[in-house]
Amino acid sequence: MNEDCIHFAFAFLSLSSAADDPELAKCKCWEGYQPQKWEKRVQCFGILLLNVQDCNVPERPKCVCSGNVTGILSDSSGVWCSEYTSGKDHRKWECENKEDWAKFYAENPKEKP
């Protein structure tokens, strides 16, 4: 049995059980994750990643940057494009998609730093 068949069978069984369980149906997961019940708790399990997160977590936009970007910095003042030199934060500037971030923070005020 190849790996694609195993993933399909796993996804099919997970989806069919979600339709039968209202608790699973209430759990919204990011793309690449699916709701599963584990030890009487529903969480989002990564399909191709070994990662677990809570249900209904709002998905943050990706920080879009151009130029000489060496990292994305998230701190108490927000999310920034950044350039590191010698392992130190040399320069940082706003993400180019700041409208997406403004909308995200307006819809999810608890996520705002």
C-alpha atoms as a PDB file:
ATOM      1  CA  MET A   1       0.000   0.000   0.000  1.00  0.00           C
ATOM      2  CA  ASN A   2       1.602   3.281  -1.058  1.00  0.00           C
ATOM      3  CA  GLU A   3       1.795   6.444   1.029  1.00  0.00           C
ATOM      4  CA  ASP A   4      -0.921   8.293  -0.974  1.00  0.00           C
ATOM      5  CA  CYS A   5      -3.432   5.518  -0.286  1.00  0.00           C
ATOM      6  CA  ILE A   6      -2.633   5.636   3.413  1.00  0.00           C
ATOM      7  CA  HIS A   7      -3.137   9.439   3.521  1.00  0.00           C
ATOM      8  CA  PHE A   8      -6.426   9.108   1.609  1.00  0.00           C
ATOM      9  CA  ALA A   9      -7.721   6.405   3.951  1.00  0.00           C
ATOM     10  CA  PHE A  10      -6.683   8.424   7.001  1.00  0.00           C
ATOM     11  CA  ALA A  11      -8.368  11.592   5.669  1.00  0.00           C
ATOM     12  CA  PHE A  12     -11.531   9.684   4.695  1.00  0.00           C
ATOM     13  CA  LEU A  13     -11.880   8.070   8.115  1.00  0.00           C
ATOM     14  CA  SER A  14     -11.231  11.386   9.865  1.00  0.00           C
ATOM     15  CA  LEU A  15     -13.812  13.218   7.769  1.00  0.00           C
ATOM     16  CA  SER A  16     -16.442  10.558   8.212  1.00  0.00           C
ATOM     17  CA  SER A  17     -15.960  10.596  11.976  1.00  0.00           C
ATOM     18  CA  ALA A  18     -16.176  14.425  12.002  1.00  0.00           C
ATOM     19  CA  ALA A  19     -19.620  14.227  10.407  1.00  0.00           C
ATOM     20  CA  ASP A  20     -20.771  11.836  13.142  1.00  0.00           C
ATOM     21  CA  ASP A  21     -19.403  13.823  16.096  1.00  0.00           C
ATOM     22  CA  PRO A  22     -20.761  17.362  16.677  1.00  0.00           C
ATOM     23  CA  GLU A  23     -17.740  18.234  18.826  1.00  0.00           C
ATOM     24  CA  LEU A  24     -15.436  17.478  15.888  1.00  0.00           C
ATOM     25  CA  ALA A  25     -17.684  19.445  13.533  1.00  0.00           C
ATOM     26  CA  LYS A  26     -17.309  22.596  15.714  1.00  0.00           C
ATOM     27  CA  CYS A  27     -13.514  22.413  15.503  1.00  0.00           C
ATOM     28  CA  LYS A  28     -12.129  24.633  12.713  1.00  0.00           C
ATOM     29  CA  CYS A  29      -8.551  23.946  11.689  1.00  0.00           C
ATOM     30  CA  TRP A  30      -6.007  25.616   9.428  1.00  0.00           C
ATOM     31  CA  GLU A  31      -5.263  24.225   5.984  1.00  0.00           C
ATOM     32  CA  GLY A  32      -3.064  21.161   6.401  1.00  0.00           C
ATOM     33  CA  TYR A  33      -4.683  20.235   9.730  1.00  0.00           C
ATOM     34  CA  GLN A  34      -7.744  18.218  10.627  1.00  0.00           C
ATOM     35  CA  PRO A  35      -9.780  17.845  13.800  1.00  0.00           C
ATOM     36  CA  GLN A  36      -9.290  14.679  15.818  1.00  0.00           C
ATOM     37  CA  LYS A  37     -10.332  13.566  19.252  1.00  0.00           C
ATOM     38  CA  TRP A  38      -7.477  12.483  21.480  1.00  0.00           C
ATOM     39  CA  GLU A  39      -7.949  11.556  25.132  1.00  0.00           C
ATOM     40  CA  LYS A  40     -11.442  13.140  25.221  1.00  0.00           C
ATOM     41  CA  ARG A  41     -10.158  16.435  23.777  1.00  0.00           C
ATOM     42  CA  VAL A  42     -10.603  17.704  20.216  1.00  0.00           C
ATOM     43  CA  GLN A  43      -7.569  19.352  18.622  1.00  0.00           C
ATOM     44  CA  CYS A  44      -6.188  20.102  15.166  1.00  0.00           C
ATOM     45  CA  PHE A  45      -3.571  17.562  14.082  1.00  0.00           C
ATOM     46  CA  GLY A  46      -1.167  18.236  11.222  1.00  0.00           C
ATOM     47  CA  ILE A  47      -1.738  16.033   8.193  1.00  0.00           C
ATOM     48  CA  LEU A  48       1.839  16.141   6.895  1.00  0.00           C
ATOM     49  CA  LEU A  49       3.451  17.849   9.891  1.00  0.00           C
ATOM     50  CA  LEU A  50       3.940  16.432  13.345  1.00  0.00           C
ATOM     51  CA  ASN A  51       2.144  19.332  15.013  1.00  0.00           C
ATOM     52  CA  VAL A  52      -0.958  19.770  17.169  1.00  0.00           C
ATOM     53  CA  GLN A  53      -2.821  22.978  17.959  1.00  0.00           C
ATOM     54  CA  ASP A  54      -6.104  24.036  19.500  1.00  0.00           C
ATOM     55  CA  CYS A  55      -9.299  24.316  17.475  1.00  0.00           C
ATOM     56  CA  ASN A  56     -10.601  27.623  16.128  1.00  0.00           C
ATOM     57  CA  VAL A  57      -7.264  29.445  16.291  1.00  0.00           C
ATOM     58  CA  PRO A  58      -7.354  32.375  13.857  1.00  0.00           C
ATOM     59  CA  GLU A  59      -4.768  31.982  11.099  1.00  0.00           C
ATOM     60  CA  ARG A  60      -2.411  34.932  10.894  1.00  0.00           C
ATOM     61  CA  PRO A  61      -1.533  36.371   7.483  1.00  0.00           C
ATOM     62  CA  LYS A  62       1.953  35.688   6.167  1.00  0.00           C
ATOM     63  CA  CYS A  63       4.239  38.726   6.397  1.00  0.00           C
ATOM     64  CA  VAL A  64       5.044  39.719   2.802  1.00  0.00           C
ATOM     65  CA  CYS A  65       8.504  41.245   2.388  1.00  0.00           C
ATOM     66  CA  SER A  66      10.806  42.204  -0.441  1.00  0.00           C
ATOM     67  CA  GLY A  67      14.409  43.290  -0.417  1.00  0.00           C
ATOM     68  CA  ASN A  68      17.208  41.853   1.664  1.00  0.00           C
ATOM     69  CA  VAL A  69      15.076  39.963   4.194  1.00  0.00           C
ATOM     70  CA  THR A  70      16.767  37.465   6.477  1.00  0.00           C
ATOM     71  CA  GLY A  71      13.850  36.843   8.819  1.00  0.00           C
ATOM     72  CA  ILE A  72      10.373  37.687  10.045  1.00  0.00           C
ATOM     73  CA  LEU A  73      10.335  39.220  13.512  1.00  0.00           C
ATOM     74  CA  SER A  74       7.330  39.023  15.811  1.00  0.00           C
ATOM     75  CA  ASP A  75       7.578  41.130  18.956  1.00  0.00           C
ATOM     76  CA  SER A  76       5.410  43.120  21.339  1.00  0.00           C
ATOM     77  CA  SER A  77       4.955  45.862  18.736  1.00  0.00           C
ATOM     78  CA  GLY A  78       3.889  43.641  15.823  1.00  0.00           C
ATOM     79  CA  VAL A  79       5.242  41.562  12.957  1.00  0.00           C
ATOM     80  CA  TRP A  80       8.126  42.901  10.880  1.00  0.00           C
ATOM     81  CA  CYS A  81      10.355  42.141   7.931  1.00  0.00           C
ATOM     82  CA  SER A  82      13.880  42.122   9.301  1.00  0.00           C
ATOM     83  CA  GLU A  83      17.486  42.001   8.278  1.00  0.00           C
ATOM     84  CA  TYR A  84      20.010  40.442  10.627  1.00  0.00           C
ATOM     85  CA  THR A  85      23.733  41.112  10.542  1.00  0.00           C
ATOM     86  CA  SER A  86      26.157  39.119  12.686  1.00  0.00           C
ATOM     87  CA  GLY A  87      23.214  37.498  14.474  1.00  0.00           C
ATOM     88  CA  LYS A  88      21.691  40.821  15.556  1.00  0.00           C
ATOM     89  CA  ASP A  89      18.598  42.674  14.409  1.00  0.00           C
ATOM     90  CA  HIS A  90      20.117  45.244  12.052  1.00  0.00           C
ATOM     91  CA  ARG A  91      16.982  46.734  10.507  1.00  0.00           C
ATOM     92  CA  LYS A  92      13.226  46.081  10.571  1.00  0.00           C
ATOM     93  CA  TRP A  93      10.297  47.427   8.547  1.00  0.00           C
ATOM     94  CA  GLU A  94       6.551  46.844   8.200  1.00  0.00           C
ATOM     95  CA  CYS A  95       5.172  43.913   6.246  1.00  0.00           C
ATOM     96  CA  GLU A  96       4.102  45.009   2.759  1.00  0.00           C
ATOM     97  CA  ASN A  97       0.631  43.528   3.308  1.00  0.00           C
ATOM     98  CA  LYS A  98      -0.193  45.774   6.271  1.00  0.00           C
ATOM     99  CA  GLU A  99      -3.855  45.956   5.143  1.00  0.00           C
ATOM    100  CA  ASP A 100      -4.158  42.185   5.690  1.00  0.00           C
ATOM    101  CA  TRP A 101      -2.676  42.591   9.177  1.00  0.00           C
ATOM    102  CA  ALA A 102      -4.982  45.526  10.013  1.00  0.00           C
ATOM    103  CA  LYS A 103      -7.998  43.434   8.961  1.00  0.00           C
ATOM    104  CA  PHE A 104      -6.746  40.423  10.948  1.00  0.00           C
ATOM    105  CA  TYR A 105      -6.258  42.505  14.122  1.00  0.00           C
ATOM    106  CA  ALA A 106      -9.671  44.178  13.655  1.00  0.00           C
ATOM    107  CA  GLU A 107     -11.329  40.730  13.431  1.00  0.00           C
ATOM    108  CA  ASN A 108      -9.159  39.216  16.203  1.00  0.00           C
ATOM    109  CA  PRO A 109      -8.343  41.960  18.741  1.00  0.00           C
ATOM    110  CA  LYS A 110      -6.991  39.421  21.269  1.00  0.00           C
ATOM    111  CA  GLU A 111      -4.205  38.572  18.794  1.00  0.00           C
ATOM    112  CA  LYS A 112      -2.912  42.154  18.651  1.00  0.00           C
ATOM    113  CA  PRO A 113       0.395  42.632  20.484  1.00  0.00           C
END
